PDB file of N, CA and C in Angstrom:
ATOM      1  N   MET A   1     -48.201  10.087  -3.446  1.00  0.00           N
ATOM      2  CA  MET A   1     -50.077   9.054  -4.058  1.00  0.00           C
ATOM      3  C   MET A   1     -50.352   8.089  -2.656  1.00  0.00           C
ATOM      4  N   VAL A   2     -51.331   8.266  -2.550  1.00  0.00           N
ATOM      5  CA  VAL A   2     -52.267   7.644  -2.349  1.00  0.00           C
ATOM      6  C   VAL A   2     -52.751   5.599  -2.247  1.00  0.00           C
ATOM      7  N   ARG A   3     -51.775   5.050  -2.149  1.00  0.00           N
ATOM      8  CA  ARG A   3     -52.254   3.691  -2.740  1.00  0.00           C
ATOM      9  C   ARG A   3     -51.799   2.599  -1.919  1.00  0.00           C
ATOM     10  N   GLY A   4     -52.834   1.435  -2.062  1.00  0.00           N
ATOM     11  CA  GLY A   4     -52.070   0.068  -1.565  1.00  0.00           C
ATOM     12  C   GLY A   4     -53.048  -0.470  -0.995  1.00  0.00           C
ATOM     13  N   GLN A   5     -53.333  -1.056   0.149  1.00  0.00           N
ATOM     14  CA  GLN A   5     -54.061  -2.992   0.670  1.00  0.00           C
ATOM     15  C   GLN A   5     -54.460  -2.484   1.798  1.00  0.00           C
ATOM     16  N   ARG A   6     -56.324  -2.168   1.310  1.00  0.00           N
ATOM     17  CA  ARG A   6     -56.172  -1.647   2.874  1.00  0.00           C
ATOM     18  C   ARG A   6     -55.746  -1.738   3.918  1.00  0.00           C
ATOM     19  N   GLU A   7     -55.840  -3.516   4.267  1.00  0.00           N
ATOM     20  CA  GLU A   7     -55.298  -4.258   5.668  1.00  0.00           C
ATOM     21  C   GLU A   7     -53.792  -3.723   6.286  1.00  0.00           C
ATOM     22  N   THR A   8     -53.024  -2.684   5.393  1.00  0.00           N
ATOM     23  CA  THR A   8     -52.220  -2.656   5.503  1.00  0.00           C
ATOM     24  C   THR A   8     -51.862  -0.764   5.383  1.00  0.00           C
ATOM     25  N   ASP A   9     -52.540  -0.121   4.709  1.00  0.00           N
ATOM     26  CA  ASP A   9     -51.908   0.940   4.563  1.00  0.00           C
ATOM     27  C   ASP A   9     -53.088   2.026   4.669  1.00  0.00           C
ATOM     28  N   GLN A  10     -54.348   1.645   4.784  1.00  0.00           N
ATOM     29  CA  GLN A  10     -55.389   2.403   5.442  1.00  0.00           C
ATOM     30  C   GLN A  10     -54.902   3.487   6.910  1.00  0.00           C
ATOM     31  N   GLN A  11     -53.667   2.344   7.762  1.00  0.00           N
ATOM     32  CA  GLN A  11     -53.602   3.910   8.070  1.00  0.00           C
ATOM     33  C   GLN A  11     -52.947   4.588   8.371  1.00  0.00           C
ATOM     34  N   LYS A  12     -52.267   4.551   6.940  1.00  0.00           N
ATOM     35  CA  LYS A  12     -50.930   5.843   6.329  1.00  0.00           C
ATOM     36  C   LYS A  12     -51.270   6.783   5.935  1.00  0.00           C
ATOM     37  N   TYR A  13     -52.551   6.817   5.086  1.00  0.00           N
ATOM     38  CA  TYR A  13     -53.817   7.649   4.505  1.00  0.00           C
ATOM     39  C   TYR A  13     -53.976   9.098   5.103  1.00  0.00           C
ATOM     40  N   PRO A  14     -53.804   8.851   6.197  1.00  0.00           N
ATOM     41  CA  PRO A  14     -54.019  10.046   6.623  1.00  0.00           C
ATOM     42  C   PRO A  14     -51.892  11.089   6.692  1.00  0.00           C
ATOM     43  N   ASP A  15     -51.382  10.304   6.838  1.00  0.00           N
ATOM     44  CA  ASP A  15     -49.922  10.707   6.710  1.00  0.00           C
ATOM     45  C   ASP A  15     -49.892  11.521   5.523  1.00  0.00           C
ATOM     46  N   GLN A  16     -50.293  10.722   4.460  1.00  0.00           N
ATOM     47  CA  GLN A  16     -49.853  10.513   2.844  1.00  0.00           C
ATOM     48  C   GLN A  16     -51.161  12.451   2.576  1.00  0.00           C
ATOM     49  N   LEU A  17     -51.819  12.089   2.816  1.00  0.00           N
ATOM     50  CA  LEU A  17     -52.720  13.255   2.667  1.00  0.00           C
ATOM     51  C   LEU A  17     -52.440  14.754   3.452  1.00  0.00           C
ATOM     52  N   ASP A  18     -51.572  14.839   4.361  1.00  0.00           N
ATOM     53  CA  ASP A  18     -50.985  15.549   5.070  1.00  0.00           C
ATOM     54  C   ASP A  18     -50.246  16.232   3.974  1.00  0.00           C
ATOM     55  N   SER A  19     -49.134  15.119   3.083  1.00  0.00           N
ATOM     56  CA  SER A  19     -47.999  15.036   3.100  1.00  0.00           C
ATOM     57  C   SER A  19     -48.368  16.092   1.963  1.00  0.00           C
ATOM     58  N   LEU A  20     -49.676  16.089   0.864  1.00  0.00           N
ATOM     59  CA  LEU A  20     -50.168  17.117  -0.360  1.00  0.00           C
ATOM     60  C   LEU A  20     -50.604  18.626   0.797  1.00  0.00           C
ATOM     61  N   MET A  21     -51.154  19.257   1.788  1.00  0.00           N
ATOM     62  CA  MET A  21     -51.708  19.821   2.293  1.00  0.00           C
ATOM     63  C   MET A  21     -50.977  21.020   0.943  1.00  0.00           C
ATOM     64  N   GLY A  22     -51.114  21.898   1.115  1.00  0.00           N
ATOM     65  CA  GLY A  22     -50.607  23.216   0.452  1.00  0.00           C
ATOM     66  C   GLY A  22     -51.233  23.491  -0.813  1.00  0.00           C
ATOM     67  N   ASN A  23     -51.252  22.111  -1.342  1.00  0.00           N
ATOM     68  CA  ASN A  23     -51.002  22.864  -3.115  1.00  0.00           C
ATOM     69  C   ASN A  23     -53.168  22.895  -3.114  1.00  0.00           C
ATOM     70  N   PRO A  24     -53.070  24.086  -4.531  1.00  0.00           N
ATOM     71  CA  PRO A  24     -54.391  24.785  -4.971  1.00  0.00           C
ATOM     72  C   PRO A  24     -54.702  23.362  -5.508  1.00  0.00           C
ATOM     73  N   ARG A  25     -54.548  22.257  -6.381  1.00  0.00           N
ATOM     74  CA  ARG A  25     -55.194  22.036  -7.464  1.00  0.00           C
ATOM     75  C   ARG A  25     -54.219  20.305  -7.361  1.00  0.00           C
ATOM     76  N   VAL A  26     -55.068  19.286  -6.493  1.00  0.00           N
ATOM     77  CA  VAL A  26     -54.411  17.828  -6.859  1.00  0.00           C
ATOM     78  C   VAL A  26     -55.929  17.083  -7.098  1.00  0.00           C
ATOM     79  N   TRP A  27     -55.105  16.605  -7.809  1.00  0.00           N
ATOM     80  CA  TRP A  27     -56.638  15.324  -8.202  1.00  0.00           C
ATOM     81  C   TRP A  27     -56.022  14.116  -7.582  1.00  0.00           C
ATOM     82  N   PHE A  28     -57.353  13.622  -7.282  1.00  0.00           N
ATOM     83  CA  PHE A  28     -57.649  12.413  -6.992  1.00  0.00           C
ATOM     84  C   PHE A  28     -58.243  10.888  -8.016  1.00  0.00           C
ATOM     85  N   LEU A  29     -57.669   9.861  -8.084  1.00  0.00           N
ATOM     86  CA  LEU A  29     -58.488   9.241  -9.058  1.00  0.00           C
ATOM     87  C   LEU A  29     -58.613   7.433  -8.479  1.00  0.00           C
ATOM     88  N   PHE A  30     -59.566   6.854  -8.005  1.00  0.00           N
ATOM     89  CA  PHE A  30     -60.185   5.699  -7.809  1.00  0.00           C
ATOM     90  C   PHE A  30     -60.867   4.815  -9.117  1.00  0.00           C
ATOM     91  N   THR A  31     -59.491   3.732  -9.127  1.00  0.00           N
ATOM     92  CA  THR A  31     -60.347   3.073  -9.129  1.00  0.00           C
ATOM     93  C   THR A  31     -60.080   1.465  -8.867  1.00  0.00           C
ATOM     94  N   HIS A  32     -60.964   0.078  -8.712  1.00  0.00           N
ATOM     95  CA  HIS A  32     -60.571  -1.444  -8.061  1.00  0.00           C
ATOM     96  C   HIS A  32     -61.050  -0.687  -6.716  1.00  0.00           C
ATOM     97  N   VAL A  33     -61.541   0.101  -5.562  1.00  0.00           N
ATOM     98  CA  VAL A  33     -61.775   0.878  -4.713  1.00  0.00           C
ATOM     99  C   VAL A  33     -62.530  -0.356  -4.275  1.00  0.00           C
ATOM    100  N   TRP A  34     -61.763  -1.291  -2.597  1.00  0.00           N
ATOM    101  CA  TRP A  34     -62.411  -2.080  -2.022  1.00  0.00           C
ATOM    102  C   TRP A  34     -63.015  -1.671  -1.088  1.00  0.00           C
ATOM    103  N   GLU A  35     -64.440  -2.199  -0.767  1.00  0.00           N
ATOM    104  CA  GLU A  35     -65.308  -1.940  -0.935  1.00  0.00           C
ATOM    105  C   GLU A  35     -65.486  -3.200   0.060  1.00  0.00           C
ATOM    106  N   GLY A  36     -66.180  -2.983   1.050  1.00  0.00           N
ATOM    107  CA  GLY A  36     -66.737  -4.020   2.610  1.00  0.00           C
ATOM    108  C   GLY A  36     -67.427  -3.971   3.577  1.00  0.00           C
ATOM    109  N   PRO A  37     -68.198  -4.648   4.659  1.00  0.00           N
ATOM    110  CA  PRO A  37     -69.448  -4.507   4.785  1.00  0.00           C
ATOM    111  C   PRO A  37     -69.213  -3.469   5.888  1.00  0.00           C
ATOM    112  N   ASP A  38     -67.526  -3.037   6.287  1.00  0.00           N
ATOM    113  CA  ASP A  38     -67.341  -1.911   7.297  1.00  0.00           C
ATOM    114  C   ASP A  38     -67.061  -0.676   6.758  1.00  0.00           C
ATOM    115  N   ILE A  39     -66.667  -0.388   5.472  1.00  0.00           N
ATOM    116  CA  ILE A  39     -65.561   0.519   4.985  1.00  0.00           C
ATOM    117  C   ILE A  39     -65.933   0.529   3.291  1.00  0.00           C
ATOM    118  N   ASP A  40     -65.642   1.714   3.094  1.00  0.00           N
ATOM    119  CA  ASP A  40     -65.545   2.121   1.575  1.00  0.00           C
ATOM    120  C   ASP A  40     -64.305   2.835   1.435  1.00  0.00           C
ATOM    121  N   ASP A  41     -63.455   2.138   1.231  1.00  0.00           N
ATOM    122  CA  ASP A  41     -61.855   3.232   1.645  1.00  0.00           C
ATOM    123  C   ASP A  41     -62.148   4.731   0.017  1.00  0.00           C
ATOM    124  N   ARG A  42     -63.007   4.224  -0.343  1.00  0.00           N
ATOM    125  CA  ARG A  42     -62.509   6.106  -1.054  1.00  0.00           C
ATOM    126  C   ARG A  42     -63.555   6.436  -0.681  1.00  0.00           C
ATOM    127  N   LEU A  43     -64.461   6.652  -0.069  1.00  0.00           N
ATOM    128  CA  LEU A  43     -65.479   7.238   0.674  1.00  0.00           C
ATOM    129  C   LEU A  43     -64.249   7.243   2.442  1.00  0.00           C
ATOM    130  N   PHE A  44     -63.624   6.909   2.410  1.00  0.00           N
ATOM    131  CA  PHE A  44     -62.993   6.757   3.993  1.00  0.00           C
ATOM    132  C   PHE A  44     -62.052   7.948   3.547  1.00  0.00           C
ATOM    133  N   ILE A  45     -61.148   7.896   2.302  1.00  0.00           N
ATOM    134  CA  ILE A  45     -60.669   8.947   1.905  1.00  0.00           C
ATOM    135  C   ILE A  45     -60.891  10.090   1.751  1.00  0.00           C
ATOM    136  N   LYS A  46     -61.957  10.377   0.736  1.00  0.00           N
ATOM    137  CA  LYS A  46     -63.010  11.769   0.230  1.00  0.00           C
ATOM    138  C   LYS A  46     -63.173  12.230   2.137  1.00  0.00           C
ATOM    139  N   PHE A  47     -63.832  11.351   2.912  1.00  0.00           N
ATOM    140  CA  PHE A  47     -63.914  11.990   4.063  1.00  0.00           C
ATOM    141  C   PHE A  47     -62.911  12.664   4.980  1.00  0.00           C
ATOM    142  N   ARG A  48     -61.369  12.069   4.645  1.00  0.00           N
ATOM    143  CA  ARG A  48     -60.122  13.132   5.138  1.00  0.00           C
ATOM    144  C   ARG A  48     -59.972  13.763   4.143  1.00  0.00           C
ATOM    145  N   LEU A  49     -60.140  14.288   2.978  1.00  0.00           N
ATOM    146  CA  LEU A  49     -59.815  15.478   2.014  1.00  0.00           C
ATOM    147  C   LEU A  49     -60.624  16.639   2.394  1.00  0.00           C
ATOM    148  N   ASP A  50     -62.126  16.023   2.390  1.00  0.00           N
ATOM    149  CA  ASP A  50     -63.353  17.171   2.973  1.00  0.00           C
ATOM    150  C   ASP A  50     -62.956  17.538   4.023  1.00  0.00           C
ATOM    151  N   GLY A  51     -62.589  17.016   5.346  1.00  0.00           N
ATOM    152  CA  GLY A  51     -61.665  17.797   5.899  1.00  0.00           C
ATOM    153  C   GLY A  51     -60.355  18.745   6.085  1.00  0.00           C
ATOM    154  N   ARG A  52     -60.535  18.089   5.052  1.00  0.00           N
ATOM    155  CA  ARG A  52     -58.457  19.333   5.003  1.00  0.00           C
ATOM    156  C   ARG A  52     -58.428  20.186   3.624  1.00  0.00           C
ATOM    157  N   GLY A  53     -59.578  20.117   3.013  1.00  0.00           N
ATOM    158  CA  GLY A  53     -60.033  21.163   2.293  1.00  0.00           C
ATOM    159  C   GLY A  53     -60.692  21.141   1.221  1.00  0.00           C
ATOM    160  N   THR A  54     -60.840  21.559  -0.039  1.00  0.00           N
ATOM    161  CA  THR A  54     -62.496  21.627  -0.693  1.00  0.00           C
ATOM    162  C   THR A  54     -62.301  21.054  -2.120  1.00  0.00           C
ATOM    163  N   LEU A  55     -63.938  20.085  -2.244  1.00  0.00           N
ATOM    164  CA  LEU A  55     -64.025  20.091  -3.797  1.00  0.00           C
ATOM    165  C   LEU A  55     -64.138  20.990  -4.631  1.00  0.00           C
ATOM    166  N   LEU A  56     -63.414  20.661  -5.506  1.00  0.00           N
ATOM    167  CA  LEU A  56     -63.507  21.960  -6.664  1.00  0.00           C
ATOM    168  C   LEU A  56     -64.465  21.060  -7.447  1.00  0.00           C
ATOM    169  N   GLU A  57     -64.188  19.898  -8.495  1.00  0.00           N
ATOM    170  CA  GLU A  57     -64.517  19.106  -9.322  1.00  0.00           C
ATOM    171  C   GLU A  57     -64.514  17.629  -9.104  1.00  0.00           C
ATOM    172  N   LYS A  58     -65.784  17.202  -9.345  1.00  0.00           N
ATOM    173  CA  LYS A  58     -65.808  15.963  -9.462  1.00  0.00           C
ATOM    174  C   LYS A  58     -65.911  15.418 -10.721  1.00  0.00           C
ATOM    175  N   PHE A  59     -65.590  14.026 -11.506  1.00  0.00           N
ATOM    176  CA  PHE A  59     -66.169  13.363 -12.414  1.00  0.00           C
ATOM    177  C   PHE A  59     -66.290  11.630 -11.925  1.00  0.00           C
ATOM    178  N   GLN A  60     -66.838  10.989 -12.785  1.00  0.00           N
ATOM    179  CA  GLN A  60     -67.741   9.200 -11.947  1.00  0.00           C
ATOM    180  C   GLN A  60     -67.630   9.044 -13.174  1.00  0.00           C
ATOM    181  N   THR A  61     -67.372   7.385 -13.712  1.00  0.00           N
ATOM    182  CA  THR A  61     -68.031   6.097 -14.533  1.00  0.00           C
ATOM    183  C   THR A  61     -68.425   5.119 -13.470  1.00  0.00           C
ATOM    184  N   GLU A  62     -68.809   4.149 -13.948  1.00  0.00           N
ATOM    185  CA  GLU A  62     -69.074   2.938 -13.825  1.00  0.00           C
ATOM    186  C   GLU A  62     -68.063   2.223 -12.924  1.00  0.00           C
ATOM    187  N   SER A  63     -66.789   2.811 -13.163  1.00  0.00           N
ATOM    188  CA  SER A  63     -66.191   1.804 -12.139  1.00  0.00           C
ATOM    189  C   SER A  63     -64.392   3.115 -11.825  1.00  0.00           C
ATOM    190  N   ALA A  64     -64.896   4.329 -11.319  1.00  0.00           N
ATOM    191  CA  ALA A  64     -63.194   4.884 -11.477  1.00  0.00           C
ATOM    192  C   ALA A  64     -64.102   6.285 -11.098  1.00  0.00           C
ATOM    193  N   TRP A  65     -63.517   7.122 -10.151  1.00  0.00           N
ATOM    194  CA  TRP A  65     -63.593   8.810  -9.848  1.00  0.00           C
ATOM    195  C   TRP A  65     -62.846   9.398  -9.588  1.00  0.00           C
ATOM    196  N   LEU A  66     -62.688  10.659  -9.585  1.00  0.00           N
ATOM    197  CA  LEU A  66     -61.928  11.394 -10.507  1.00  0.00           C
ATOM    198  C   LEU A  66     -61.822  12.573  -9.265  1.00  0.00           C
ATOM    199  N   TYR A  67     -61.366  13.330  -8.713  1.00  0.00           N
ATOM    200  CA  TYR A  67     -61.891  14.588  -7.660  1.00  0.00           C
ATOM    201  C   TYR A  67     -60.536  15.618  -7.723  1.00  0.00           C
ATOM    202  N   LEU A  68     -60.844  16.507  -7.970  1.00  0.00           N
ATOM    203  CA  LEU A  68     -59.653  17.933  -7.833  1.00  0.00           C
ATOM    204  C   LEU A  68     -60.177  18.668  -6.562  1.00  0.00           C
ATOM    205  N   TYR A  69     -59.212  18.831  -5.154  1.00  0.00           N
ATOM    206  CA  TYR A  69     -59.265  19.683  -4.392  1.00  0.00           C
ATOM    207  C   TYR A  69     -57.972  20.250  -4.492  1.00  0.00           C
ATOM    208  N   ASP A  70     -58.726  21.260  -3.380  1.00  0.00           N
ATOM    209  CA  ASP A  70     -58.008  22.607  -3.384  1.00  0.00           C
ATOM    210  C   ASP A  70     -57.776  22.451  -1.487  1.00  0.00           C
ATOM    211  N   LEU A  71     -56.368  22.286  -1.292  1.00  0.00           N
ATOM    212  CA  LEU A  71     -55.766  21.311  -0.011  1.00  0.00           C
ATOM    213  C   LEU A  71     -54.550  22.843   0.121  1.00  0.00           C
ATOM    214  N   THR A  72     -55.218  23.986  -0.099  1.00  0.00           N
ATOM    215  CA  THR A  72     -54.873  24.878   0.615  1.00  0.00           C
ATOM    216  C   THR A  72     -54.876  25.132   2.138  1.00  0.00           C
ATOM    217  N   GLY A  73     -55.989  24.355   2.747  1.00  0.00           N
ATOM    218  CA  GLY A  73     -56.143  24.033   4.049  1.00  0.00           C
ATOM    219  C   GLY A  73     -57.693  25.623   4.272  1.00  0.00           C
ATOM    220  N   ARG A  74     -58.196  26.169   3.144  1.00  0.00           N
ATOM    221  CA  ARG A  74     -59.558  26.828   3.122  1.00  0.00           C
ATOM    222  C   ARG A  74     -60.651  25.126   3.231  1.00  0.00           C
ATOM    223  N   THR A  75     -61.795  25.207   3.913  1.00  0.00           N
ATOM    224  CA  THR A  75     -62.241  24.126   4.024  1.00  0.00           C
ATOM    225  C   THR A  75     -63.220  23.633   3.409  1.00  0.00           C
ATOM    226  N   GLY A  76     -63.894  23.433   2.786  1.00  0.00           N
ATOM    227  CA  GLY A  76     -65.880  23.789   2.479  1.00  0.00           C
ATOM    228  C   GLY A  76     -66.250  22.544   1.621  1.00  0.00           C
ATOM    229  N   ARG A  77     -67.392  22.015   1.934  1.00  0.00           N
ATOM    230  CA  ARG A  77     -67.803  20.996   0.822  1.00  0.00           C
ATOM    231  C   ARG A  77     -68.939  21.367  -0.036  1.00  0.00           C
ATOM    232  N   GLN A  78     -68.181  21.127  -1.522  1.00  0.00           N
ATOM    233  CA  GLN A  78     -69.749  22.108  -2.191  1.00  0.00           C
ATOM    234  C   GLN A  78     -70.227  20.219  -2.588  1.00  0.00           C
ATOM    235  N   ASP A  79     -69.991  19.339  -2.470  1.00  0.00           N
ATOM    236  CA  ASP A  79     -70.581  17.777  -3.345  1.00  0.00           C
ATOM    237  C   ASP A  79     -70.778  16.695  -2.189  1.00  0.00           C
ATOM    238  N   SER A  80     -70.875  16.394  -1.875  1.00  0.00           N
ATOM    239  CA  SER A  80     -71.332  14.683  -0.582  1.00  0.00           C
ATOM    240  C   SER A  80     -70.471  13.531  -1.219  1.00  0.00           C
ATOM    241  N   ASN A  81     -70.934  13.324  -2.118  1.00  0.00           N
ATOM    242  CA  ASN A  81     -70.211  12.250  -2.952  1.00  0.00           C
ATOM    243  C   ASN A  81     -69.271  12.190  -4.394  1.00  0.00           C
TER     244      ASN A  81
END
């Protein structure tokens, strides 16, 4: 599970995401996303995921995002957000 405070945990995101590699179906739920003038944590993590796997499904509400990724190593973007 990738979670935490941006100031301390953002550096840990790549290692945490790498630990999920090899799984064909991994759900990512984003709520209470930190957004600042220089970065949006959801987009930061999603960019990393797009480079490591394939987005299979996405669902969005006003305050939450849910993404399903195939992280078996086959990459391919099906959607940009």
